[in-house]
């Protein structure tokens, strides 16, 4: 995809969600989302995966940060403005809002601890949602590898494929790569997979992660140390 039209981005995101966690079932989406007067990218995400279950967390898109339920969106209008709050940090430290309608409106963030009011953090809701979803898919994955797997696989001649790079999120710009097709990498800390064959193949590198580490803001913001071949950005080259 040469352009970054929001519909094309959401198409690519839906394809990747199914690639990563399996085939979507009708009950994983929120049917009534299609009829709500909310921004189109948010409408599509809820309609496709707003109720996607997860065996450990409440829902797939409520692991690190919480996608606010469609049923509560009407209660999330910012007092004195037309902003719609659609996302919150897992401990309520910050919230994100967008316009109440539109094809691809901007995103604002309110830091409830150190902020001084709403500040715009992204010009595109669709791009912001891609970054958010990739983060949630990463931290909710079934298997996590140690950093040693990167050196091992690069030594085997495998190269990482850029997936979604240098995209703004709340207070950071996560970078996502794929390695050996089924290992998702976020920054220089998360190396995960849901693929059973890959987990068995590289079982020597699997590590346990406690919940505190998994939810730490610090470890979500480290930079990648490996060199990747320029395959191009998956979401920018999908048809």
Protein backbone atom coordinates (compact mmCIF):
# COMPACT_ATOMS: atom_id res chain seq x y z
CA UNK A 1 0.00 0.00 0.00
CA UNK A 2 1.66 3.16 -1.20
CA UNK A 3 -0.73 5.51 0.56
CA UNK A 4 -1.69 5.49 4.21
CA UNK A 5 -5.43 5.73 3.73
CA UNK A 6 -7.14 4.84 7.02
CA UNK A 7 -9.30 2.13 5.44
CA UNK A 8 -6.24 0.42 3.99
CA UNK A 9 -4.46 0.60 7.34
CA UNK A 10 -7.43 -0.92 9.13
CA UNK A 11 -7.65 -3.66 6.47
CA UNK A 12 -4.01 -4.53 7.08
CA UNK A 13 -4.49 -4.43 10.84
CA UNK A 14 -7.44 -6.81 10.69
CA UNK A 15 -5.41 -9.22 8.55
CA UNK A 16 -2.51 -9.12 10.98
CA UNK A 17 -4.71 -9.67 14.04
CA UNK A 18 -6.03 -12.88 12.47
CA UNK A 19 -2.52 -13.91 11.42
CA UNK A 20 -1.30 -13.45 14.98
CA UNK A 21 -4.10 -14.79 17.17
CA UNK A 22 -6.20 -16.91 14.83
CA UNK A 23 -9.39 -16.73 12.84
CA UNK A 24 -11.94 -14.22 13.97
CA UNK A 25 -15.32 -15.46 15.15
CA UNK A 26 -18.47 -13.33 14.70
CA UNK A 27 -18.87 -12.90 18.46
CA UNK A 28 -15.40 -11.34 18.73
CA UNK A 29 -16.74 -8.11 17.25
CA UNK A 30 -19.32 -5.67 18.52
CA UNK A 31 -22.16 -5.70 16.00
CA UNK A 32 -23.72 -2.42 17.11
CA UNK A 33 -20.43 -0.56 16.65
CA UNK A 34 -21.23 -0.21 12.94
CA UNK A 35 -24.24 1.91 13.76
CA UNK A 36 -22.56 4.25 16.24
CA UNK A 37 -21.67 7.80 15.29
CA UNK A 38 -17.99 7.46 16.20
CA UNK A 39 -14.81 7.91 14.10
CA UNK A 40 -14.47 5.29 11.38
CA UNK A 41 -11.19 3.65 12.52
CA UNK A 42 -12.54 3.24 16.06
CA UNK A 43 -15.81 1.92 14.69
CA UNK A 44 -13.96 -0.67 12.62
CA UNK A 45 -11.77 -1.84 15.49
CA UNK A 46 -14.74 -2.38 17.80
CA UNK A 47 -16.79 -4.04 15.07
CA UNK A 48 -13.94 -6.42 14.23
CA UNK A 49 -12.35 -7.17 17.59
CA UNK A 50 -14.00 -5.19 20.38
CA UNK A 51 -14.93 -8.37 22.29
CA UNK A 52 -12.05 -10.62 21.24
CA UNK A 53 -11.43 -12.92 24.23
CA UNK A 54 -8.11 -13.74 25.86
CA UNK A 55 -7.41 -16.71 28.19
CA UNK A 56 -5.49 -14.61 30.72
CA UNK A 57 -6.69 -11.04 30.39
CA UNK A 58 -10.21 -9.64 30.35
CA UNK A 59 -10.04 -9.13 26.59
CA UNK A 60 -7.38 -9.16 23.90
CA UNK A 61 -7.38 -5.37 23.65
CA UNK A 62 -7.27 -4.71 27.35
CA UNK A 63 -3.92 -6.17 28.37
CA UNK A 64 -1.55 -3.23 28.75
CA UNK A 65 -3.93 -0.37 27.98
CA UNK A 66 -7.72 -0.52 27.99
CA UNK A 67 -9.89 0.00 24.91
CA UNK A 68 -13.07 1.43 26.39
CA UNK A 69 -16.17 -0.66 25.70
CA UNK A 70 -18.61 0.54 23.09
CA UNK A 71 -21.33 0.50 25.73
CA UNK A 72 -19.48 3.11 27.78
CA UNK A 73 -18.36 5.40 24.96
CA UNK A 74 -21.44 7.58 25.26
CA UNK A 75 -20.39 8.34 28.84
CA UNK A 76 -16.87 9.33 27.77
CA UNK A 77 -17.54 12.77 26.28
CA UNK A 78 -15.10 15.26 27.80
CA UNK A 79 -16.91 17.93 29.74
CA UNK A 80 -16.80 21.25 27.92
CA UNK A 81 -15.53 19.79 24.63
CA UNK A 82 -16.44 17.44 21.80
CA UNK A 83 -13.65 14.95 22.57
CA UNK A 84 -14.49 11.27 22.93
CA UNK A 85 -12.36 9.29 25.39
CA UNK A 86 -11.67 5.85 23.88
CA UNK A 87 -8.54 4.51 25.60
CA UNK A 88 -7.09 4.52 29.11
CA UNK A 89 -3.85 3.40 30.73
CA UNK A 90 -4.21 0.26 32.84
CA UNK A 91 -3.91 2.19 36.13
CA UNK A 92 -5.76 5.27 34.93
CA UNK A 93 -2.64 7.45 34.72
CA UNK A 94 -3.60 8.82 31.31
CA UNK A 95 -6.49 8.78 28.87
CA UNK A 96 -6.68 9.28 25.10
CA UNK A 97 -9.48 11.00 23.22
CA UNK A 98 -10.41 11.80 19.66
CA UNK A 99 -13.15 13.71 17.90
CA UNK A 100 -16.66 12.32 18.14
CA UNK A 101 -16.87 11.61 14.41
CA UNK A 102 -14.67 11.69 11.31
CA UNK A 103 -12.74 9.59 8.83
CA UNK A 104 -9.39 9.80 10.61
CA UNK A 105 -9.35 12.50 13.32
CA UNK A 106 -6.40 13.35 15.59
CA UNK A 107 -5.70 11.92 19.05
CA UNK A 108 -5.29 13.84 22.31
CA UNK A 109 -3.82 12.62 25.60
CA UNK A 110 -4.49 13.74 29.16
CA UNK A 111 -1.79 12.94 31.72
CA UNK A 112 -3.71 12.86 35.00
CA UNK A 113 -0.55 13.08 37.12
CA UNK A 114 1.84 15.51 35.44
CA UNK A 115 -0.22 16.96 32.60
CA UNK A 116 -1.67 20.41 32.20
CA UNK A 117 -4.69 19.55 30.13
CA UNK A 118 -5.34 17.77 26.85
CA UNK A 119 -2.46 17.75 24.36
CA UNK A 120 -2.53 16.47 20.81
CA UNK A 121 -0.18 13.51 20.34
CA UNK A 122 -1.08 12.16 16.90
CA UNK A 123 -2.66 13.53 13.75
CA UNK A 124 -4.14 10.15 12.73
CA UNK A 125 -6.43 7.92 14.79
CA UNK A 126 -5.96 4.98 12.42
CA UNK A 127 -2.16 5.02 12.77
CA UNK A 128 -2.45 5.41 16.52
CA UNK A 129 -4.76 2.39 16.72
CA UNK A 130 -2.36 0.25 14.68
CA UNK A 131 0.40 1.03 17.20
CA UNK A 132 -1.91 0.38 20.13
CA UNK A 133 -3.10 -2.97 18.75
CA UNK A 134 0.42 -4.17 17.97
CA UNK A 135 1.43 -3.35 21.54
CA UNK A 136 -1.49 -5.35 22.92
CA UNK A 137 -0.80 -8.28 20.60
CA UNK A 138 2.80 -8.27 21.80
CA UNK A 139 2.25 -8.18 25.55
CA UNK A 140 -0.62 -10.69 25.39
CA UNK A 141 1.28 -13.32 23.38
CA UNK A 142 1.56 -16.82 24.78
CA UNK A 143 5.31 -17.33 24.60
CA UNK A 144 8.13 -14.91 25.27
CA UNK A 145 11.77 -15.42 24.39
CA UNK A 146 14.94 -14.05 25.91
CA UNK A 147 17.01 -11.50 24.01
CA UNK A 148 19.50 -14.23 23.12
CA UNK A 149 17.18 -15.51 20.41
CA UNK A 150 17.91 -12.45 18.25
CA UNK A 151 21.66 -13.11 18.12
CA UNK A 152 21.00 -16.80 17.53
CA UNK A 153 18.65 -16.28 14.60
CA UNK A 154 20.75 -13.54 13.01
CA UNK A 155 23.71 -15.91 13.24
CA UNK A 156 21.58 -18.44 11.33
CA UNK A 157 21.24 -15.90 8.53
CA UNK A 158 17.68 -14.83 9.31
CA UNK A 159 16.88 -11.13 9.15
CA UNK A 160 14.17 -9.14 10.83
CA UNK A 161 11.33 -7.70 8.77
CA UNK A 162 10.17 -4.19 9.70
CA UNK A 163 6.50 -4.25 10.57
CA UNK A 164 5.62 -0.80 11.96
CA UNK A 165 8.42 1.61 12.83
CA UNK A 166 8.81 4.89 14.70
CA UNK A 167 5.10 5.46 15.18
CA UNK A 168 3.89 7.76 17.92
CA UNK A 169 2.07 6.38 20.91
CA UNK A 170 1.64 7.77 24.42
CA UNK A 171 5.05 9.11 25.52
CA UNK A 172 6.99 6.77 23.22
CA UNK A 173 7.47 5.59 19.65
CA UNK A 174 7.38 1.78 19.59
CA UNK A 175 9.09 -0.21 16.85
CA UNK A 176 7.78 -3.57 15.70
CA UNK A 177 9.56 -6.26 13.67
CA UNK A 178 8.95 -9.86 12.62
CA UNK A 179 11.71 -12.42 12.87
CA UNK A 180 11.44 -15.88 11.30
CA UNK A 181 7.90 -14.86 10.26
CA UNK A 182 6.30 -15.78 13.59
CA UNK A 183 8.36 -13.95 16.22
CA UNK A 184 7.04 -10.48 16.96
CA UNK A 185 9.55 -8.01 18.37
CA UNK A 186 8.71 -4.77 20.13
CA UNK A 187 11.65 -2.47 20.82
CA UNK A 188 14.55 -4.31 22.45
CA UNK A 189 12.72 -6.16 25.17
CA UNK A 190 9.78 -8.12 23.81
CA UNK A 191 10.32 -11.21 21.64
CA UNK A 192 7.09 -13.19 21.49
CA UNK A 193 5.11 -15.76 19.54
CA UNK A 194 1.77 -17.54 19.60
CA UNK A 195 2.94 -20.20 17.17
CA UNK A 196 3.33 -23.59 18.88
CA UNK A 197 5.80 -24.92 16.32
CA UNK A 198 8.04 -21.86 16.72
CA UNK A 199 7.81 -22.10 20.51
CA UNK A 200 8.87 -25.74 20.39
CA UNK A 201 11.62 -25.06 17.86
CA UNK A 202 13.18 -22.36 20.04
CA UNK A 203 12.11 -23.68 23.44
CA UNK A 204 15.60 -23.16 24.90
CA UNK A 205 15.03 -19.40 24.66
CA UNK A 206 11.58 -19.21 26.31
CA UNK A 207 11.52 -17.24 29.55
CA UNK A 208 8.94 -16.51 32.22
CA UNK A 209 7.84 -12.94 32.85
CA UNK A 210 6.08 -11.78 35.99
CA UNK A 211 3.10 -9.46 35.74
CA UNK A 212 4.99 -6.46 37.14
CA UNK A 213 7.64 -6.71 34.44
CA UNK A 214 5.04 -7.24 31.75
CA UNK A 215 3.25 -4.04 32.75
CA UNK A 216 6.32 -1.86 33.25
CA UNK A 217 6.37 1.36 31.23
CA UNK A 218 10.18 1.37 31.30
CA UNK A 219 10.62 -1.93 29.49
CA UNK A 220 8.10 -0.95 26.83
CA UNK A 221 10.31 1.90 25.72
CA UNK A 222 13.72 0.37 24.96
CA UNK A 223 15.29 0.62 21.52
CA UNK A 224 16.14 -2.25 19.16
CA UNK A 225 19.82 -3.20 18.95
CA UNK A 226 19.68 -5.45 15.92
CA UNK A 227 20.03 -4.55 12.25
CA UNK A 228 17.09 -5.31 10.00
CA UNK A 229 16.94 -5.73 6.26
CA UNK A 230 14.86 -3.07 4.52
CA UNK A 231 11.86 -5.11 3.49
CA UNK A 232 9.63 -2.11 3.94
CA UNK A 233 6.84 -1.46 6.38
CA UNK A 234 4.16 -4.20 6.29
CA UNK A 235 1.30 -1.81 6.89
CA UNK A 236 2.54 0.59 4.22
CA UNK A 237 2.94 -2.08 1.58
CA UNK A 238 -0.16 -4.20 2.05
CA UNK A 239 -2.69 -4.32 -0.72
